Full PDB file with SEQRES, HELIX, SHEET, SSBOND, CRYST1, ORIGX, SCALE, CONECT and MASTER records, all heavy atoms in Angstrom:
SEQRES   1 A   30  ASN TYR ARG SER VAL VAL VAL HIS GLY THR ALA TYR GLU          
SEQRES   2 A   30  VAL THR ASP PRO GLU GLU ARG ARG THR ALA LEU ASP ALA          
SEQRES   3 A   30  LEU VAL ASP HIS                                              
HELIX    1 AA1 PRO A   17  ASP A   29  1                                  13    
CRYST1    1.000    1.000    1.000  90.00  90.00  90.00 P 1           1          
ORIGX1      1.000000  0.000000  0.000000        0.00000                         
ORIGX2      0.000000  1.000000  0.000000        0.00000                         
ORIGX3      0.000000  0.000000  1.000000        0.00000                         
SCALE1      1.000000  0.000000  0.000000        0.00000                         
SCALE2      0.000000  1.000000  0.000000        0.00000                         
SCALE3      0.000000  0.000000  1.000000        0.00000                         
ATOM      1  N   ASN A   1     -97.749 261.010 -10.191  1.00  0.00           N  
ATOM      2  CA  ASN A   1     -98.145 260.457 -11.462  1.00  0.00           C  
ATOM      3  C   ASN A   1     -98.601 261.605 -12.339  1.00  0.00           C  
ATOM      4  O   ASN A   1     -99.408 262.443 -11.907  1.00  0.00           O  
ATOM      5  CB  ASN A   1     -99.263 259.422 -11.300  1.00  0.00           C  
ATOM      6  CG  ASN A   1     -98.744 258.089 -10.809  1.00  0.00           C  
ATOM      7  OD1 ASN A   1     -97.536 257.865 -10.754  1.00  0.00           O  
ATOM      8  ND2 ASN A   1     -99.648 257.200 -10.426  1.00  0.00           N  
ATOM      9  N   TYR A   2     -98.107 261.660 -13.542  1.00  0.00           N  
ATOM     10  CA  TYR A   2     -98.374 262.824 -14.398  1.00  0.00           C  
ATOM     11  C   TYR A   2     -98.442 262.402 -15.861  1.00  0.00           C  
ATOM     12  O   TYR A   2     -98.009 261.310 -16.254  1.00  0.00           O  
ATOM     13  CB  TYR A   2     -97.244 263.850 -14.226  1.00  0.00           C  
ATOM     14  CG  TYR A   2     -95.888 263.357 -14.714  1.00  0.00           C  
ATOM     15  CD1 TYR A   2     -95.483 263.559 -16.024  1.00  0.00           C  
ATOM     16  CD2 TYR A   2     -95.037 262.669 -13.857  1.00  0.00           C  
ATOM     17  CE1 TYR A   2     -94.264 263.075 -16.481  1.00  0.00           C  
ATOM     18  CE2 TYR A   2     -93.823 262.191 -14.294  1.00  0.00           C  
ATOM     19  CZ  TYR A   2     -93.435 262.391 -15.606  1.00  0.00           C  
ATOM     20  OH  TYR A   2     -92.241 261.911 -16.047  1.00  0.00           O  
ATOM     21  N   ARG A   3     -98.973 263.312 -16.676  1.00  0.00           N  
ATOM     22  CA  ARG A   3     -98.956 263.223 -18.139  1.00  0.00           C  
ATOM     23  C   ARG A   3     -98.537 264.593 -18.665  1.00  0.00           C  
ATOM     24  O   ARG A   3     -99.109 265.605 -18.249  1.00  0.00           O  
ATOM     25  CB  ARG A   3    -100.334 262.868 -18.692  1.00  0.00           C  
ATOM     26  CG  ARG A   3    -100.801 261.432 -18.347  1.00  0.00           C  
ATOM     27  CD  ARG A   3    -102.270 261.277 -18.602  1.00  0.00           C  
ATOM     28  NE  ARG A   3    -103.047 262.086 -17.658  1.00  0.00           N  
ATOM     29  CZ  ARG A   3    -104.147 262.767 -17.988  1.00  0.00           C  
ATOM     30  NH1 ARG A   3    -104.608 262.764 -19.238  1.00  0.00           N  
ATOM     31  NH2 ARG A   3    -104.785 263.450 -17.060  1.00  0.00           N  
ATOM     32  N   SER A   4     -97.560 264.631 -19.540  1.00  0.00           N  
ATOM     33  CA  SER A   4     -97.092 265.906 -20.051  1.00  0.00           C  
ATOM     34  C   SER A   4     -96.791 265.811 -21.544  1.00  0.00           C  
ATOM     35  O   SER A   4     -96.554 264.718 -22.082  1.00  0.00           O  
ATOM     36  CB  SER A   4     -95.835 266.372 -19.305  1.00  0.00           C  
ATOM     37  OG  SER A   4     -94.760 265.476 -19.540  1.00  0.00           O  
ATOM     38  N   VAL A   5     -96.827 266.969 -22.190  1.00  0.00           N  
ATOM     39  CA  VAL A   5     -96.465 267.075 -23.613  1.00  0.00           C  
ATOM     40  C   VAL A   5     -95.517 268.252 -23.756  1.00  0.00           C  
ATOM     41  O   VAL A   5     -95.738 269.312 -23.152  1.00  0.00           O  
ATOM     42  CB  VAL A   5     -97.699 267.270 -24.504  1.00  0.00           C  
ATOM     43  CG1 VAL A   5     -97.307 267.764 -25.889  1.00  0.00           C  
ATOM     44  CG2 VAL A   5     -98.499 265.974 -24.621  1.00  0.00           C  
ATOM     45  N   VAL A   6     -94.479 268.061 -24.542  1.00  0.00           N  
ATOM     46  CA  VAL A   6     -93.542 269.130 -24.888  1.00  0.00           C  
ATOM     47  C   VAL A   6     -93.508 269.274 -26.398  1.00  0.00           C  
ATOM     48  O   VAL A   6     -93.350 268.281 -27.112  1.00  0.00           O  
ATOM     49  CB  VAL A   6     -92.127 268.839 -24.349  1.00  0.00           C  
ATOM     50  CG1 VAL A   6     -91.144 269.949 -24.780  1.00  0.00           C  
ATOM     51  CG2 VAL A   6     -92.130 268.720 -22.831  1.00  0.00           C  
ATOM     52  N   VAL A   7     -93.685 270.501 -26.870  1.00  0.00           N  
ATOM     53  CA  VAL A   7     -93.678 270.788 -28.312  1.00  0.00           C  
ATOM     54  C   VAL A   7     -92.557 271.783 -28.599  1.00  0.00           C  
ATOM     55  O   VAL A   7     -92.516 272.867 -28.003  1.00  0.00           O  
ATOM     56  CB  VAL A   7     -95.024 271.379 -28.784  1.00  0.00           C  
ATOM     57  CG1 VAL A   7     -95.017 271.578 -30.308  1.00  0.00           C  
ATOM     58  CG2 VAL A   7     -96.197 270.500 -28.359  1.00  0.00           C  
ATOM     59  N   HIS A   8     -91.658 271.425 -29.498  1.00  0.00           N  
ATOM     60  CA  HIS A   8     -90.628 272.339 -29.981  1.00  0.00           C  
ATOM     61  C   HIS A   8     -90.997 272.785 -31.392  1.00  0.00           C  
ATOM     62  O   HIS A   8     -91.549 272.001 -32.173  1.00  0.00           O  
ATOM     63  CB  HIS A   8     -89.249 271.643 -30.030  1.00  0.00           C  
ATOM     64  CG  HIS A   8     -88.745 271.215 -28.713  1.00  0.00           C  
ATOM     65  ND1 HIS A   8     -88.049 272.059 -27.865  1.00  0.00           N  
ATOM     66  CD2 HIS A   8     -88.810 270.019 -28.071  1.00  0.00           C  
ATOM     67  CE1 HIS A   8     -87.710 271.401 -26.761  1.00  0.00           C  
ATOM     68  NE2 HIS A   8     -88.158 270.175 -26.865  1.00  0.00           N  
ATOM     69  N   GLY A   9     -90.687 274.020 -31.731  1.00  0.00           N  
ATOM     70  CA  GLY A   9     -90.961 274.462 -33.083  1.00  0.00           C  
ATOM     71  C   GLY A   9     -90.835 275.960 -33.241  1.00  0.00           C  
ATOM     72  O   GLY A   9     -90.333 276.673 -32.372  1.00  0.00           O  
ATOM     73  N   THR A  10     -91.316 276.424 -34.394  1.00  0.00           N  
ATOM     74  CA  THR A  10     -91.299 277.841 -34.709  1.00  0.00           C  
ATOM     75  C   THR A  10     -92.729 278.346 -34.778  1.00  0.00           C  
ATOM     76  O   THR A  10     -93.555 277.781 -35.508  1.00  0.00           O  
ATOM     77  CB  THR A  10     -90.601 278.075 -36.069  1.00  0.00           C  
ATOM     78  OG1 THR A  10     -89.268 277.555 -36.003  1.00  0.00           O  
ATOM     79  CG2 THR A  10     -90.555 279.557 -36.396  1.00  0.00           C  
ATOM     80  N   ALA A  11     -93.025 279.374 -34.015  1.00  0.00           N  
ATOM     81  CA  ALA A  11     -94.366 279.959 -33.993  1.00  0.00           C  
ATOM     82  C   ALA A  11     -94.470 281.059 -35.060  1.00  0.00           C  
ATOM     83  O   ALA A  11     -93.534 281.841 -35.262  1.00  0.00           O  
ATOM     84  CB  ALA A  11     -94.664 280.554 -32.615  1.00  0.00           C  
ATOM     85  N   TYR A  12     -95.627 281.084 -35.706  1.00  0.00           N  
ATOM     86  CA  TYR A  12     -95.872 282.072 -36.770  1.00  0.00           C  
ATOM     87  C   TYR A  12     -97.132 282.858 -36.449  1.00  0.00           C  
ATOM     88  O   TYR A  12     -98.100 282.301 -35.914  1.00  0.00           O  
ATOM     89  CB  TYR A  12     -96.037 281.377 -38.116  1.00  0.00           C  
ATOM     90  CG  TYR A  12     -94.819 280.628 -38.583  1.00  0.00           C  
ATOM     91  CD1 TYR A  12     -94.664 279.278 -38.304  1.00  0.00           C  
ATOM     92  CD2 TYR A  12     -93.832 281.288 -39.313  1.00  0.00           C  
ATOM     93  CE1 TYR A  12     -93.548 278.588 -38.728  1.00  0.00           C  
ATOM     94  CE2 TYR A  12     -92.693 280.579 -39.730  1.00  0.00           C  
ATOM     95  CZ  TYR A  12     -92.561 279.253 -39.447  1.00  0.00           C  
ATOM     96  OH  TYR A  12     -91.445 278.565 -39.860  1.00  0.00           O  
ATOM     97  N   GLU A  13     -97.136 284.113 -36.784  1.00  0.00           N  
ATOM     98  CA  GLU A  13     -98.333 284.928 -36.626  1.00  0.00           C  
ATOM     99  C   GLU A  13     -99.375 284.512 -37.668  1.00  0.00           C  
ATOM    100  O   GLU A  13     -99.047 284.297 -38.830  1.00  0.00           O  
ATOM    101  CB  GLU A  13     -98.011 286.406 -36.787  1.00  0.00           C  
ATOM    102  CG  GLU A  13     -99.209 287.318 -36.562  1.00  0.00           C  
ATOM    103  CD  GLU A  13     -98.886 288.780 -36.749  1.00  0.00           C  
ATOM    104  OE1 GLU A  13     -97.817 289.089 -37.334  1.00  0.00           O  
ATOM    105  OE2 GLU A  13     -99.677 289.633 -36.316  1.00  0.00           O  
ATOM    106  N   VAL A  14    -100.617 284.391 -37.233  1.00  0.00           N  
ATOM    107  CA  VAL A  14    -101.731 284.047 -38.130  1.00  0.00           C  
ATOM    108  C   VAL A  14    -102.342 285.348 -38.635  1.00  0.00           C  
ATOM    109  O   VAL A  14    -102.854 286.154 -37.840  1.00  0.00           O  
ATOM    110  CB  VAL A  14    -102.791 283.191 -37.415  1.00  0.00           C  
ATOM    111  CG1 VAL A  14    -103.959 282.888 -38.355  1.00  0.00           C  
ATOM    112  CG2 VAL A  14    -102.169 281.895 -36.915  1.00  0.00           C  
ATOM    113  N   THR A  15    -102.290 285.535 -39.938  1.00  0.00           N  
ATOM    114  CA  THR A  15    -102.831 286.769 -40.523  1.00  0.00           C  
ATOM    115  C   THR A  15    -104.055 286.513 -41.398  1.00  0.00           C  
ATOM    116  O   THR A  15    -104.832 287.440 -41.645  1.00  0.00           O  
ATOM    117  CB  THR A  15    -101.760 287.481 -41.368  1.00  0.00           C  
ATOM    118  OG1 THR A  15    -101.283 286.577 -42.380  1.00  0.00           O  
ATOM    119  CG2 THR A  15    -100.596 287.913 -40.488  1.00  0.00           C  
ATOM    120  N   ASP A  16    -104.251 285.288 -41.873  1.00  0.00           N  
ATOM    121  CA  ASP A  16    -105.415 284.987 -42.700  1.00  0.00           C  
ATOM    122  C   ASP A  16    -106.686 285.118 -41.878  1.00  0.00           C  
ATOM    123  O   ASP A  16    -106.809 284.494 -40.806  1.00  0.00           O  
ATOM    124  CB  ASP A  16    -105.323 283.554 -43.252  1.00  0.00           C  
ATOM    125  CG  ASP A  16    -106.534 283.167 -44.072  1.00  0.00           C  
ATOM    126  OD1 ASP A  16    -106.656 283.647 -45.214  1.00  0.00           O  
ATOM    127  OD2 ASP A  16    -107.364 282.413 -43.547  1.00  0.00           O  
ATOM    128  N   PRO A  17    -107.659 285.941 -42.311  1.00  0.00           N  
ATOM    129  CA  PRO A  17    -108.874 286.173 -41.502  1.00  0.00           C  
ATOM    130  C   PRO A  17    -109.645 284.913 -41.170  1.00  0.00           C  
ATOM    131  O   PRO A  17    -110.124 284.748 -40.035  1.00  0.00           O  
ATOM    132  CB  PRO A  17    -109.700 287.124 -42.363  1.00  0.00           C  
ATOM    133  CG  PRO A  17    -108.705 287.787 -43.266  1.00  0.00           C  
ATOM    134  CD  PRO A  17    -107.651 286.754 -43.535  1.00  0.00           C  
ATOM    135  N   GLU A  18    -109.768 283.998 -42.118  1.00  0.00           N  
ATOM    136  CA  GLU A  18    -110.542 282.773 -41.873  1.00  0.00           C  
ATOM    137  C   GLU A  18    -109.830 281.872 -40.860  1.00  0.00           C  
ATOM    138  O   GLU A  18    -110.458 281.298 -39.980  1.00  0.00           O  
ATOM    139  CB  GLU A  18    -110.767 282.028 -43.190  1.00  0.00           C  
ATOM    140  CG  GLU A  18    -111.799 280.913 -43.100  1.00  0.00           C  
ATOM    141  CD  GLU A  18    -113.171 281.409 -42.694  1.00  0.00           C  
ATOM    142  OE1 GLU A  18    -113.548 282.537 -43.088  1.00  0.00           O  
ATOM    143  OE2 GLU A  18    -113.875 280.675 -41.969  1.00  0.00           O  
ATOM    144  N   GLU A  19    -108.511 281.759 -40.996  1.00  0.00           N  
ATOM    145  CA  GLU A  19    -107.775 280.947 -40.037  1.00  0.00           C  
ATOM    146  C   GLU A  19    -107.817 281.571 -38.643  1.00  0.00           C  
ATOM    147  O   GLU A  19    -107.863 280.865 -37.633  1.00  0.00           O  
ATOM    148  CB  GLU A  19    -106.327 280.759 -40.491  1.00  0.00           C  
ATOM    149  CG  GLU A  19    -105.552 279.804 -39.587  1.00  0.00           C  
ATOM    150  CD  GLU A  19    -104.113 279.581 -40.022  1.00  0.00           C  
ATOM    151  OE1 GLU A  19    -103.676 280.237 -40.994  1.00  0.00           O  
ATOM    152  OE2 GLU A  19    -103.423 278.763 -39.396  1.00  0.00           O  
ATOM    153  N   ARG A  20    -107.770 282.891 -38.589  1.00  0.00           N  
ATOM    154  CA  ARG A  20    -107.863 283.572 -37.279  1.00  0.00           C  
ATOM    155  C   ARG A  20    -109.186 283.260 -36.601  1.00  0.00           C  
ATOM    156  O   ARG A  20    -109.225 282.978 -35.390  1.00  0.00           O  
ATOM    157  CB  ARG A  20    -107.708 285.090 -37.478  1.00  0.00           C  
ATOM    158  CG  ARG A  20    -106.267 285.546 -37.589  1.00  0.00           C  
ATOM    159  CD  ARG A  20    -106.156 286.981 -38.092  1.00  0.00           C  
ATOM    160  NE  ARG A  20    -106.932 287.917 -37.289  1.00  0.00           N  
ATOM    161  CZ  ARG A  20    -106.509 288.454 -36.140  1.00  0.00           C  
ATOM    162  NH1 ARG A  20    -105.330 288.133 -35.659  1.00  0.00           N  
ATOM    163  NH2 ARG A  20    -107.252 289.332 -35.480  1.00  0.00           N  
ATOM    164  N   ARG A  21    -110.279 283.306 -37.348  1.00  0.00           N  
ATOM    165  CA  ARG A  21    -111.589 282.995 -36.732  1.00  0.00           C  
ATOM    166  C   ARG A  21    -111.657 281.528 -36.300  1.00  0.00           C  
ATOM    167  O   ARG A  21    -112.190 281.208 -35.224  1.00  0.00           O  
ATOM    168  CB  ARG A  21    -112.711 283.317 -37.714  1.00  0.00           C  
ATOM    169  CG  ARG A  21    -112.913 284.820 -37.927  1.00  0.00           C  
ATOM    170  CD  ARG A  21    -114.229 285.126 -38.640  1.00  0.00           C  
ATOM    171  NE  ARG A  21    -114.403 286.554 -38.792  1.00  0.00           N  
ATOM    172  CZ  ARG A  21    -114.906 287.345 -37.843  1.00  0.00           C  
ATOM    173  NH1 ARG A  21    -115.261 286.842 -36.665  1.00  0.00           N  
ATOM    174  NH2 ARG A  21    -115.058 288.649 -38.064  1.00  0.00           N  
ATOM    175  N   THR A  22    -111.109 280.639 -37.126  1.00  0.00           N  
ATOM    176  CA  THR A  22    -111.075 279.228 -36.749  1.00  0.00           C  
ATOM    177  C   THR A  22    -110.270 279.038 -35.468  1.00  0.00           C  
ATOM    178  O   THR A  22    -110.674 278.285 -34.571  1.00  0.00           O  
ATOM    179  CB  THR A  22    -110.457 278.391 -37.883  1.00  0.00           C  
ATOM    180  OG1 THR A  22    -111.293 278.490 -39.051  1.00  0.00           O  
ATOM    181  CG2 THR A  22    -110.327 276.928 -37.483  1.00  0.00           C  
ATOM    182  N   ALA A  23    -109.144 279.736 -35.394  1.00  0.00           N  
ATOM    183  CA  ALA A  23    -108.286 279.616 -34.207  1.00  0.00           C  
ATOM    184  C   ALA A  23    -108.974 280.144 -32.967  1.00  0.00           C  
ATOM    185  O   ALA A  23    -108.931 279.533 -31.896  1.00  0.00           O  
ATOM    186  CB  ALA A  23    -106.976 280.361 -34.467  1.00  0.00           C  
ATOM    187  N   LEU A  24    -109.633 281.293 -33.077  1.00  0.00           N  
ATOM    188  CA  LEU A  24    -110.293 281.889 -31.911  1.00  0.00           C  
ATOM    189  C   LEU A  24    -111.465 281.034 -31.452  1.00  0.00           C  
ATOM    190  O   LEU A  24    -111.711 280.879 -30.257  1.00  0.00           O  
ATOM    191  CB  LEU A  24    -110.746 283.307 -32.256  1.00  0.00           C  
ATOM    192  CG  LEU A  24    -109.593 284.304 -32.474  1.00  0.00           C  
ATOM    193  CD1 LEU A  24    -110.132 285.643 -32.971  1.00  0.00           C  
ATOM    194  CD2 LEU A  24    -108.775 284.495 -31.217  1.00  0.00           C  
ATOM    195  N   ASP A  25    -112.209 280.449 -32.389  1.00  0.00           N  
ATOM    196  CA  ASP A  25    -113.278 279.517 -32.010  1.00  0.00           C  
ATOM    197  C   ASP A  25    -112.694 278.306 -31.293  1.00  0.00           C  
ATOM    198  O   ASP A  25    -113.252 277.829 -30.301  1.00  0.00           O  
ATOM    199  CB  ASP A  25    -114.059 279.059 -33.241  1.00  0.00           C  
ATOM    200  CG  ASP A  25    -115.011 280.109 -33.770  1.00  0.00           C  
ATOM    201  OD1 ASP A  25    -115.259 281.110 -33.046  1.00  0.00           O  
ATOM    202  OD2 ASP A  25    -115.521 279.964 -34.897  1.00  0.00           O  
ATOM    203  N   ALA A  26    -111.558 277.804 -31.790  1.00  0.00           N  
ATOM    204  CA  ALA A  26    -110.929 276.655 -31.161  1.00  0.00           C  
ATOM    205  C   ALA A  26    -110.471 276.969 -29.738  1.00  0.00           C  
ATOM    206  O   ALA A  26    -110.560 276.124 -28.840  1.00  0.00           O  
ATOM    207  CB  ALA A  26    -109.743 276.189 -32.009  1.00  0.00           C  
ATOM    208  N   LEU A  27    -109.969 278.189 -29.513  1.00  0.00           N  
ATOM    209  CA  LEU A  27    -109.540 278.590 -28.177  1.00  0.00           C  
ATOM    210  C   LEU A  27    -110.698 278.597 -27.210  1.00  0.00           C  
ATOM    211  O   LEU A  27    -110.566 278.144 -26.058  1.00  0.00           O  
ATOM    212  CB  LEU A  27    -108.890 279.958 -28.243  1.00  0.00           C  
ATOM    213  CG  LEU A  27    -107.461 279.982 -28.813  1.00  0.00           C  
ATOM    214  CD1 LEU A  27    -107.133 281.362 -29.376  1.00  0.00           C  
ATOM    215  CD2 LEU A  27    -106.460 279.611 -27.731  1.00  0.00           C  
ATOM    216  N   VAL A  28    -111.856 279.102 -27.658  1.00  0.00           N  
ATOM    217  CA  VAL A  28    -113.032 279.125 -26.778  1.00  0.00           C  
ATOM    218  C   VAL A  28    -113.540 277.725 -26.524  1.00  0.00           C  
ATOM    219  O   VAL A  28    -113.839 277.335 -25.388  1.00  0.00           O  
ATOM    220  CB  VAL A  28    -114.132 280.003 -27.418  1.00  0.00           C  
ATOM    221  CG1 VAL A  28    -115.429 279.903 -26.614  1.00  0.00           C  
ATOM    222  CG2 VAL A  28    -113.684 281.462 -27.489  1.00  0.00           C  
ATOM    223  N   ASP A  29    -113.636 276.904 -27.583  1.00  0.00           N  
ATOM    224  CA  ASP A  29    -114.155 275.549 -27.442  1.00  0.00           C  
ATOM    225  C   ASP A  29    -113.206 274.643 -26.691  1.00  0.00           C  
ATOM    226  O   ASP A  29    -113.626 273.617 -26.135  1.00  0.00           O  
ATOM    227  CB  ASP A  29    -114.454 274.958 -28.816  1.00  0.00           C  
ATOM    228  CG  ASP A  29    -115.696 275.560 -29.453  1.00  0.00           C  
ATOM    229  OD1 ASP A  29    -116.577 276.028 -28.710  1.00  0.00           O  
ATOM    230  OD2 ASP A  29    -115.793 275.588 -30.698  1.00  0.00           O  
ATOM    231  N   HIS A  30    -111.912 274.995 -26.663  1.00  0.00           N  
ATOM    232  CA  HIS A  30    -110.973 274.179 -25.912  1.00  0.00           C  
ATOM    233  C   HIS A  30    -111.275 274.244 -24.416  1.00  0.00           C  
ATOM    234  O   HIS A  30    -111.122 273.241 -23.706  1.00  0.00           O  
ATOM    235  CB  HIS A  30    -109.535 274.675 -26.162  1.00  0.00           C  
ATOM    236  CG  HIS A  30    -108.503 273.884 -25.447  1.00  0.00           C  
ATOM    237  ND1 HIS A  30    -108.005 272.697 -25.918  1.00  0.00           N  
ATOM    238  CD2 HIS A  30    -107.867 274.111 -24.258  1.00  0.00           C  
ATOM    239  CE1 HIS A  30    -107.106 272.219 -25.066  1.00  0.00           C  
ATOM    240  NE2 HIS A  30    -107.015 273.060 -24.048  1.00  0.00           N  
TER     241      HIS A  30                                                      
MASTER        0    0    0    1    0    0    0    6  240    1    0    3          
END                                                                             
């Protein structure tokens, strides 16, 4: 018994400083 998610798409580099900090905080809090 399992649960899975598959995401297809195009990945982009994050260069905006504010978005980068938001992303890094989200990675830690995840």
